[in-house]
Amino acid sequence: MKFAQIGAAGAEQPVLVHEGRHYALSSLTPAVDGNFLSQGGPAAAAAALAAGTLPEVSAAGVRYGAPVARPSAVICVGLNYAAHAAESGAEPPAHPVIFLKTPNTVGGPDDAVGIPRGSTRTDWEVELGVVIGRRASYLESTEEARDHIAGFVVVDDLSERDFQLNVSGGQWSKGKSSPGFCPTGPYLVTPEEVDAGQLRLRSWVNGELRQDSSTADMIFDVATIVWNLSQYMVLEPGDLICTGTPEGVALSGRFPYLKAGDVVEIEIEGLGRQRHEFVA
């Protein structure tokens, strides 16, 4: 199944997307959020679709918001692709490298994004996002971790590299939390439709291909990340985990950093595509 939220910012309506059609979920939930995901919402939506009780709505010309309402946490994994670690001049980590983005960075997949004030090194990062469906703490195994995943999303883990690396005091979050720095969606796709270990990820800047890789290059796979995080923090339903980016970012030195007027597009097969313009 695919879930989305459509409409003006702050007034999005939850929908189920099936065979290209959009069905309103307002009779079941006010939002696709942690409560919906953890309290049987997806199963109820599937049953209502099968029963023909969900009204169809038009999404023509309508804005897509983030497919999950604001999470309580956005947890990110750094240096999780072997080739990206190499282009960053780092050794592959022995343990997942973790940093946080503020939840208010989460925005729609096609929303404009502002270049931060004083930025000279704004960068793009296509990533597979994992949405938690059940509270997770001290999980016993990676197999158990899989049962706590509600689905997968496309994420652009935007970064300001100077803020991240030079004025950070050693912590990356300062360069990761500017307004709009986590475009998410357009869809939340449930696990039975996704092979998270074999997904093609791509990004383009102004129509030129920048990243073209596969989640097969991950150092730590999705289940390992969820299990590992649960040993150190409590993951709540609706929380978003960004699992790292492949090679091909501006930090590599091969491409210029972003400026106002640039357009970034990112895509993960089966999960959808984003397009966001950068503004001053």
Protein backbone atom coordinates (compact mmCIF):
# COMPACT_ATOMS: atom_id res chain seq x y z
CA MET A 1 0.00 0.00 0.00
CA LYS A 2 0.93 3.62 -0.49
CA PHE A 3 -0.11 6.44 1.81
CA ALA A 4 0.23 10.16 1.19
CA GLN A 5 -0.93 13.51 2.56
CA ILE A 6 -2.16 16.10 0.10
CA GLY A 7 -3.18 19.72 0.38
CA ALA A 8 -1.87 23.07 1.54
CA ALA A 9 0.90 23.13 4.15
CA GLY A 10 -0.64 22.68 7.57
CA ALA A 11 -3.95 21.48 6.11
CA GLU A 12 -2.97 18.19 4.46
CA GLN A 13 -5.51 15.39 4.16
CA PRO A 14 -4.50 11.71 4.46
CA VAL A 15 -5.07 9.48 1.45
CA LEU A 16 -4.46 5.92 0.34
CA VAL A 17 -2.98 5.64 -3.16
CA HIS A 18 -4.03 2.53 -5.09
CA GLU A 19 -3.48 1.87 -8.78
CA GLY A 20 -2.89 5.59 -9.36
CA ARG A 21 -6.09 6.67 -7.63
CA HIS A 22 -6.35 8.56 -4.35
CA TYR A 23 -8.85 7.62 -1.64
CA ALA A 24 -9.66 9.83 1.33
CA LEU A 25 -8.85 8.43 4.78
CA SER A 26 -10.53 11.21 6.76
CA SER A 27 -13.20 8.78 8.01
CA LEU A 28 -10.47 6.70 9.63
CA THR A 29 -7.87 9.22 10.79
CA PRO A 30 -7.09 12.95 10.73
CA ALA A 31 -3.51 12.22 9.59
CA VAL A 32 -1.05 9.50 8.67
CA ASP A 33 0.86 9.67 11.94
CA GLY A 34 2.20 7.51 14.71
CA ASN A 35 -1.24 6.78 16.14
CA PHE A 36 -2.57 5.66 12.76
CA LEU A 37 0.45 3.46 12.09
CA SER A 38 0.59 1.81 15.52
CA GLN A 39 -3.13 1.27 16.09
CA GLY A 40 -4.07 -0.80 13.07
CA GLY A 41 -4.63 2.07 10.67
CA PRO A 42 -3.05 0.48 7.58
CA ALA A 43 -5.08 -2.71 8.01
CA ALA A 44 -8.27 -0.69 8.53
CA ALA A 45 -7.51 1.34 5.40
CA ALA A 46 -6.97 -1.83 3.36
CA ALA A 47 -10.26 -3.27 4.61
CA ALA A 48 -12.14 -0.08 3.83
CA LEU A 49 -10.66 0.02 0.33
CA ALA A 50 -11.70 -3.58 -0.29
CA ALA A 51 -15.20 -2.79 0.99
CA GLY A 52 -15.49 0.22 -1.31
CA THR A 53 -16.18 2.66 1.52
CA LEU A 54 -13.33 5.09 0.85
CA PRO A 55 -14.34 8.04 -1.35
CA GLU A 56 -12.06 8.79 -4.28
CA VAL A 57 -10.51 12.27 -4.39
CA SER A 58 -8.63 14.10 -7.11
CA ALA A 59 -4.94 14.85 -6.62
CA ALA A 60 -4.59 16.79 -9.87
CA GLY A 61 -2.60 19.94 -9.23
CA VAL A 62 -2.63 19.33 -5.48
CA ARG A 63 0.44 19.75 -3.29
CA TYR A 64 1.89 16.65 -1.63
CA GLY A 65 3.03 17.09 1.93
CA ALA A 66 5.29 14.74 3.85
CA PRO A 67 3.48 11.38 3.88
CA VAL A 68 3.78 11.05 7.67
CA ALA A 69 2.79 13.89 9.97
CA ARG A 70 5.64 15.46 11.92
CA PRO A 71 7.62 12.71 13.67
CA SER A 72 8.81 13.02 17.24
CA ALA A 73 12.35 12.37 16.01
CA VAL A 74 14.35 12.39 12.78
CA ILE A 75 17.38 10.15 13.27
CA CYS A 76 20.06 9.97 10.59
CA VAL A 77 22.89 7.60 9.77
CA GLY A 78 26.12 9.04 8.38
CA LEU A 79 28.74 7.43 6.16
CA ASN A 80 26.55 4.37 5.57
CA TYR A 81 27.48 3.73 1.92
CA ALA A 82 30.93 2.37 1.25
CA ALA A 83 31.56 4.57 -1.79
CA HIS A 84 30.31 7.71 -0.01
CA ALA A 85 32.58 7.06 2.96
CA ALA A 86 35.48 6.77 0.51
CA GLU A 87 34.64 10.02 -1.29
CA SER A 88 34.39 11.75 2.12
CA GLY A 89 37.89 10.56 3.01
CA ALA A 90 36.62 8.40 5.89
CA GLU A 91 37.12 4.79 6.81
CA PRO A 92 33.94 2.67 6.79
CA PRO A 93 32.53 2.94 10.33
CA ALA A 94 32.52 -0.05 12.66
CA HIS A 95 29.28 1.16 14.25
CA PRO A 96 26.47 3.31 12.82
CA VAL A 97 27.31 7.03 12.93
CA ILE A 98 24.23 8.80 14.25
CA PHE A 99 23.08 12.43 14.21
CA LEU A 100 19.72 14.16 14.52
CA LYS A 101 17.71 16.58 12.44
CA THR A 102 15.00 18.64 14.10
CA PRO A 103 11.49 17.37 13.26
CA ASN A 104 10.45 20.77 11.89
CA THR A 105 12.83 20.25 8.95
CA VAL A 106 10.37 17.74 7.46
CA GLY A 107 8.53 19.14 4.45
CA GLY A 108 6.79 18.13 1.28
CA PRO A 109 8.67 16.51 -1.58
CA ASP A 110 8.19 19.42 -3.98
CA ASP A 111 8.32 22.35 -1.57
CA ALA A 112 10.84 25.11 -2.24
CA VAL A 113 13.84 25.09 0.11
CA GLY A 114 15.71 28.17 1.28
CA ILE A 115 19.49 28.40 1.09
CA PRO A 116 20.42 29.09 4.74
CA ARG A 117 21.59 32.57 5.62
CA GLY A 118 25.38 32.72 5.24
CA SER A 119 25.56 29.34 3.49
CA THR A 120 28.26 28.64 0.92
CA ARG A 121 28.10 24.82 0.97
CA THR A 122 24.50 23.60 0.76
CA ASP A 123 24.49 19.97 -0.42
CA TRP A 124 21.99 17.31 -1.50
CA GLU A 125 21.72 13.68 -0.30
CA VAL A 126 19.18 11.19 -1.66
CA GLU A 127 18.33 8.69 1.07
CA LEU A 128 16.03 5.83 1.90
CA GLY A 129 13.86 6.82 4.86
CA VAL A 130 12.41 4.27 7.29
CA VAL A 131 9.24 5.06 9.23
CA ILE A 132 8.68 3.30 12.57
CA GLY A 133 5.30 1.66 13.07
CA ARG A 134 5.58 0.29 16.62
CA ARG A 135 7.43 1.50 19.69
CA ALA A 136 10.90 -0.05 19.68
CA SER A 137 13.21 -0.36 22.67
CA TYR A 138 15.97 -2.93 23.26
CA LEU A 139 14.92 -5.10 20.35
CA GLU A 140 16.38 -8.60 20.56
CA SER A 141 17.27 -9.14 16.90
CA THR A 142 17.22 -7.74 13.39
CA GLU A 143 14.28 -10.06 12.67
CA GLU A 144 12.30 -8.39 15.45
CA ALA A 145 13.35 -4.99 14.10
CA ARG A 146 11.63 -5.69 10.78
CA ASP A 147 8.30 -6.03 12.59
CA HIS A 148 8.60 -2.45 13.83
CA ILE A 149 8.86 -0.86 10.37
CA ALA A 150 5.71 0.80 9.00
CA GLY A 151 7.18 1.60 5.61
CA PHE A 152 9.68 3.47 3.48
CA VAL A 153 9.95 6.97 2.03
CA VAL A 154 12.22 9.08 -0.16
CA VAL A 155 14.22 11.67 1.80
CA ASP A 156 16.65 14.42 0.79
CA ASP A 157 18.96 14.81 3.80
CA LEU A 158 20.02 18.33 2.89
CA SER A 159 23.21 19.56 4.53
CA GLU A 160 25.19 22.76 4.97
CA ARG A 161 28.72 21.41 5.05
CA ASP A 162 30.43 24.41 6.65
CA PHE A 163 27.88 24.42 9.48
CA GLN A 164 28.19 20.63 9.73
CA LEU A 165 31.96 20.26 9.71
CA ASN A 166 33.69 23.57 10.51
CA VAL A 167 31.51 25.41 13.03
CA SER A 168 29.83 22.40 14.59
CA GLY A 169 32.05 21.69 17.58
CA GLY A 170 32.17 18.10 16.39
CA GLN A 171 28.41 17.45 16.14
CA TRP A 172 26.78 17.35 12.71
CA SER A 173 23.22 18.44 13.53
CA LYS A 174 23.95 22.16 13.20
CA GLY A 175 24.50 21.65 9.48
CA LYS A 176 21.45 19.42 9.06
CA SER A 177 18.60 21.35 10.66
CA SER A 178 17.97 24.46 8.56
CA PRO A 179 14.33 25.10 7.59
CA GLY A 180 13.05 22.64 5.00
CA PHE A 181 16.18 20.49 5.13
CA CYS A 182 14.30 17.16 5.12
CA PRO A 183 11.97 16.97 2.08
CA THR A 184 10.07 13.71 2.51
CA GLY A 185 7.79 11.66 0.26
CA PRO A 186 5.68 11.74 -1.80
CA TYR A 187 4.58 8.31 -0.52
CA LEU A 188 4.90 6.05 2.47
CA VAL A 189 5.14 2.57 0.94
CA THR A 190 4.47 -0.40 3.20
CA PRO A 191 7.15 -3.09 3.64
CA GLU A 192 5.54 -5.90 1.66
CA GLU A 193 6.05 -3.84 -1.51
CA VAL A 194 9.70 -2.95 -0.91
CA ASP A 195 13.00 -4.86 -1.09
CA ALA A 196 14.95 -2.36 0.97
CA GLY A 197 18.28 -4.03 0.20
CA GLN A 198 18.00 -3.67 -3.58
CA LEU A 199 16.67 -0.19 -4.38
CA ARG A 200 18.12 2.17 -6.98
CA LEU A 201 18.67 5.72 -5.69
CA ARG A 202 19.34 8.70 -7.97
CA SER A 203 19.68 12.46 -7.74
CA TRP A 204 19.93 15.22 -10.32
CA VAL A 205 20.89 18.90 -10.07
CA ASN A 206 19.49 21.08 -12.84
CA GLY A 207 18.83 17.94 -14.86
CA GLU A 208 22.37 16.55 -14.53
CA LEU A 209 22.75 13.16 -12.85
CA ARG A 210 24.72 13.32 -9.60
CA GLN A 211 24.01 10.11 -7.68
CA ASP A 212 23.16 6.70 -9.11
CA SER A 213 23.60 3.83 -6.70
CA SER A 214 21.82 1.04 -4.85
CA THR A 215 20.96 0.33 -1.25
CA ALA A 216 23.04 -2.82 -1.78
CA ASP A 217 26.07 -0.55 -1.09
CA MET A 218 24.86 0.13 2.47
CA ILE A 219 27.32 -0.76 5.21
CA PHE A 220 24.51 -1.29 7.76
CA ASP A 221 21.21 -2.54 6.38
CA VAL A 222 17.80 -1.28 7.45
CA ALA A 223 17.05 -3.97 10.02
CA THR A 224 20.49 -3.61 11.59
CA ILE A 225 20.02 0.16 11.89
CA VAL A 226 16.63 -0.16 13.60
CA TRP A 227 17.92 -2.85 15.96
CA ASN A 228 21.06 -0.84 16.78
CA LEU A 229 19.19 2.38 17.44
CA SER A 230 16.80 0.60 19.79
CA GLN A 231 19.74 -0.25 22.06
CA TYR A 232 20.38 3.46 22.68
CA MET A 233 17.02 5.22 22.34
CA VAL A 234 13.29 4.56 22.21
CA LEU A 235 11.87 4.74 18.70
CA GLU A 236 8.28 5.94 18.64
CA PRO A 237 5.62 5.24 15.99
CA GLY A 238 5.96 7.74 13.16
CA ASP A 239 9.64 8.42 13.80
CA LEU A 240 11.77 8.83 10.68
CA ILE A 241 15.18 7.24 10.19
CA CYS A 242 17.34 8.49 7.29
CA THR A 243 19.68 5.66 6.38
CA GLY A 244 22.55 7.45 4.63
CA THR A 245 23.44 8.62 1.14
CA PRO A 246 25.50 7.11 -1.68
CA GLU A 247 28.41 8.79 -3.44
CA GLY A 248 27.93 11.78 -5.71
CA VAL A 249 27.38 14.75 -3.40
CA ALA A 250 29.04 18.16 -3.63
CA LEU A 251 31.22 17.34 -0.61
CA SER A 252 33.13 14.99 -2.92
CA GLY A 253 34.65 18.03 -4.64
CA ARG A 254 33.38 16.87 -8.03
CA PHE A 255 30.35 19.17 -8.17
CA PRO A 256 29.46 22.73 -7.16
CA TYR A 257 27.35 23.37 -4.09
CA LEU A 258 23.75 24.53 -4.45
CA LYS A 259 22.67 28.12 -4.97
CA ALA A 260 19.37 29.95 -5.33
CA GLY A 261 17.67 28.94 -8.57
CA ASP A 262 19.05 25.39 -8.61
CA VAL A 263 16.59 22.50 -8.87
CA VAL A 264 17.26 19.15 -7.19
CA GLU A 265 15.36 16.02 -8.16
CA ILE A 266 15.72 12.73 -6.31
CA GLU A 267 14.14 9.34 -6.84
CA ILE A 268 14.10 5.87 -5.33
CA GLU A 269 12.58 3.11 -7.42
CA GLY A 270 9.09 2.21 -6.28
CA LEU A 271 8.95 5.00 -3.69
CA GLY A 272 8.51 8.09 -5.85
CA ARG A 273 10.30 11.21 -6.96
CA GLN A 274 10.90 14.69 -5.53
CA ARG A 275 11.60 18.04 -7.16
CA HIS A 276 12.52 21.07 -5.10
CA GLU A 277 13.82 24.46 -6.15
CA PHE A 278 16.26 26.39 -3.98
CA VAL A 279 15.53 30.01 -3.14
CA ALA A 280 17.41 32.75 -1.36
